[in-house]
Amino acid sequence: MDPDDKALLDELAAETSLSRAELLRRGLRRIAAELRGARAPGRSLDDLVGALGIELSVPTDLAAKHDEYLYPAPDADSARSD
């Protein structure tokens, strides 16, 4: 970080009583919101609903057992080292 930016960050931290890290987080979030457009909380749920469509091969217990499907236990045969 160049000296001018560090000085500005230090000044803002003193003026707002926020940590420098918090100011950086807020700045990052503000830039992201500007670039992506403000999105309401939960908006990503709209993208997920119906993402699998009516695929018949989707297990009916996918929501309850998602970790088991994402990270299956290794087979007993493949766990052995010969």
C-alpha atoms as a PDB file:
ATOM      1  CA  MET A   1       0.000   0.000   0.000  1.00  0.00           C
ATOM      2  CA  ASP A   2       1.462   3.319  -0.945  1.00  0.00           C
ATOM      3  CA  PRO A   3       1.984   5.983   1.753  1.00  0.00           C
ATOM      4  CA  ASP A   4      -0.936   8.185   0.611  1.00  0.00           C
ATOM      5  CA  ASP A   5      -3.395   5.277   0.758  1.00  0.00           C
ATOM      6  CA  LYS A   6      -2.081   4.206   4.154  1.00  0.00           C
ATOM      7  CA  ALA A   7      -2.446   7.755   5.470  1.00  0.00           C
ATOM      8  CA  LEU A   8      -6.006   7.940   4.147  1.00  0.00           C
ATOM      9  CA  LEU A   9      -6.838   4.592   5.735  1.00  0.00           C
ATOM     10  CA  ASP A  10      -5.359   5.679   9.062  1.00  0.00           C
ATOM     11  CA  GLU A  11      -7.342   8.946   8.945  1.00  0.00           C
ATOM     12  CA  LEU A  12     -10.606   7.142   8.230  1.00  0.00           C
ATOM     13  CA  ALA A  13      -9.913   4.649  11.008  1.00  0.00           C
ATOM     14  CA  ALA A  14      -9.380   7.506  13.459  1.00  0.00           C
ATOM     15  CA  GLU A  15     -12.480   9.401  12.276  1.00  0.00           C
ATOM     16  CA  THR A  16     -14.819   6.406  12.312  1.00  0.00           C
ATOM     17  CA  SER A  17     -13.361   4.361  15.194  1.00  0.00           C
ATOM     18  CA  LEU A  18     -13.408   1.371  12.846  1.00  0.00           C
ATOM     19  CA  SER A  19     -10.424  -0.878  12.366  1.00  0.00           C
ATOM     20  CA  ARG A  20      -8.449  -0.593   9.167  1.00  0.00           C
ATOM     21  CA  ALA A  21      -9.483  -4.154   8.319  1.00  0.00           C
ATOM     22  CA  GLU A  22     -13.168  -3.287   8.728  1.00  0.00           C
ATOM     23  CA  LEU A  23     -12.775  -0.229   6.517  1.00  0.00           C
ATOM     24  CA  LEU A  24     -11.123  -2.368   3.840  1.00  0.00           C
ATOM     25  CA  ARG A  25     -13.916  -4.988   4.082  1.00  0.00           C
ATOM     26  CA  ARG A  26     -16.579  -2.305   3.744  1.00  0.00           C
ATOM     27  CA  GLY A  27     -14.800  -0.717   0.817  1.00  0.00           C
ATOM     28  CA  LEU A  28     -14.475  -4.070  -0.918  1.00  0.00           C
ATOM     29  CA  ARG A  29     -18.168  -4.809  -0.402  1.00  0.00           C
ATOM     30  CA  ARG A  30     -19.158  -1.374  -1.670  1.00  0.00           C
ATOM     31  CA  ILE A  31     -17.096  -1.781  -4.836  1.00  0.00           C
ATOM     32  CA  ALA A  32     -18.517  -5.257  -5.416  1.00  0.00           C
ATOM     33  CA  ALA A  33     -22.072  -3.959  -4.987  1.00  0.00           C
ATOM     34  CA  GLU A  34     -21.416  -1.160  -7.464  1.00  0.00           C
ATOM     35  CA  LEU A  35     -19.904  -3.484 -10.044  1.00  0.00           C
ATOM     36  CA  ARG A  36     -22.420  -6.283  -9.676  1.00  0.00           C
ATOM     37  CA  GLY A  37     -25.435  -4.173  -8.890  1.00  0.00           C
ATOM     38  CA  ALA A  38     -26.999  -4.268  -5.478  1.00  0.00           C
ATOM     39  CA  ARG A  39     -28.568  -7.632  -4.778  1.00  0.00           C
ATOM     40  CA  ALA A  40     -31.113  -8.260  -2.101  1.00  0.00           C
ATOM     41  CA  PRO A  41     -30.267 -10.847   0.550  1.00  0.00           C
ATOM     42  CA  GLY A  42     -31.452 -14.276  -0.517  1.00  0.00           C
ATOM     43  CA  ARG A  43     -31.400 -13.371  -4.200  1.00  0.00           C
ATOM     44  CA  SER A  44     -29.155 -16.315  -5.012  1.00  0.00           C
ATOM     45  CA  LEU A  45     -31.952 -18.636  -3.917  1.00  0.00           C
ATOM     46  CA  ASP A  46     -33.872 -17.574  -7.027  1.00  0.00           C
ATOM     47  CA  ASP A  47     -30.968 -18.858  -9.136  1.00  0.00           C
ATOM     48  CA  LEU A  48     -31.003 -22.219  -7.368  1.00  0.00           C
ATOM     49  CA  VAL A  49     -34.720 -22.940  -7.425  1.00  0.00           C
ATOM     50  CA  GLY A  50     -35.388 -25.200 -10.356  1.00  0.00           C
ATOM     51  CA  ALA A  51     -31.707 -25.513 -11.252  1.00  0.00           C
ATOM     52  CA  LEU A  52     -32.028 -29.293 -11.409  1.00  0.00           C
ATOM     53  CA  GLY A  53     -35.285 -29.079 -13.336  1.00  0.00           C
ATOM     54  CA  ILE A  54     -37.324 -32.246 -13.324  1.00  0.00           C
ATOM     55  CA  GLU A  55     -34.317 -34.530 -13.654  1.00  0.00           C
ATOM     56  CA  LEU A  56     -35.530 -37.983 -12.585  1.00  0.00           C
ATOM     57  CA  SER A  57     -32.080 -39.182 -11.532  1.00  0.00           C
ATOM     58  CA  VAL A  58     -31.845 -36.618  -8.719  1.00  0.00           C
ATOM     59  CA  PRO A  59     -32.090 -38.456  -5.377  1.00  0.00           C
ATOM     60  CA  THR A  60     -35.155 -37.542  -3.356  1.00  0.00           C
ATOM     61  CA  ASP A  61     -33.013 -37.165  -0.223  1.00  0.00           C
ATOM     62  CA  LEU A  62     -30.475 -34.839  -1.871  1.00  0.00           C
ATOM     63  CA  ALA A  63     -31.210 -31.917   0.452  1.00  0.00           C
ATOM     64  CA  ALA A  64     -30.944 -33.982   3.618  1.00  0.00           C
ATOM     65  CA  LYS A  65     -27.856 -35.950   2.581  1.00  0.00           C
ATOM     66  CA  HIS A  66     -26.047 -33.459   0.332  1.00  0.00           C
ATOM     67  CA  ASP A  67     -22.686 -33.932   2.064  1.00  0.00           C
ATOM     68  CA  GLU A  68     -22.829 -37.678   1.500  1.00  0.00           C
ATOM     69  CA  TYR A  69     -23.412 -37.108  -2.206  1.00  0.00           C
ATOM     70  CA  LEU A  70     -20.742 -34.420  -2.499  1.00  0.00           C
ATOM     71  CA  TYR A  71     -18.117 -36.235  -0.425  1.00  0.00           C
ATOM     72  CA  PRO A  72     -18.790 -39.966  -0.635  1.00  0.00           C
ATOM     73  CA  ALA A  73     -16.887 -42.291   1.679  1.00  0.00           C
ATOM     74  CA  PRO A  74     -14.057 -44.104  -0.089  1.00  0.00           C
ATOM     75  CA  ASP A  75     -14.752 -47.703  -1.114  1.00  0.00           C
ATOM     76  CA  ALA A  76     -13.228 -50.317   1.144  1.00  0.00           C
ATOM     77  CA  ASP A  77     -11.398 -51.796  -1.875  1.00  0.00           C
ATOM     78  CA  SER A  78      -9.918 -48.473  -3.010  1.00  0.00           C
ATOM     79  CA  ALA A  79      -8.863 -47.578   0.545  1.00  0.00           C
ATOM     80  CA  ARG A  80      -6.529 -50.586   0.676  1.00  0.00           C
ATOM     81  CA  SER A  81      -2.993 -50.058  -0.481  1.00  0.00           C
ATOM     82  CA  ASP A  82      -1.398 -53.135  -2.006  1.00  0.00           C
END
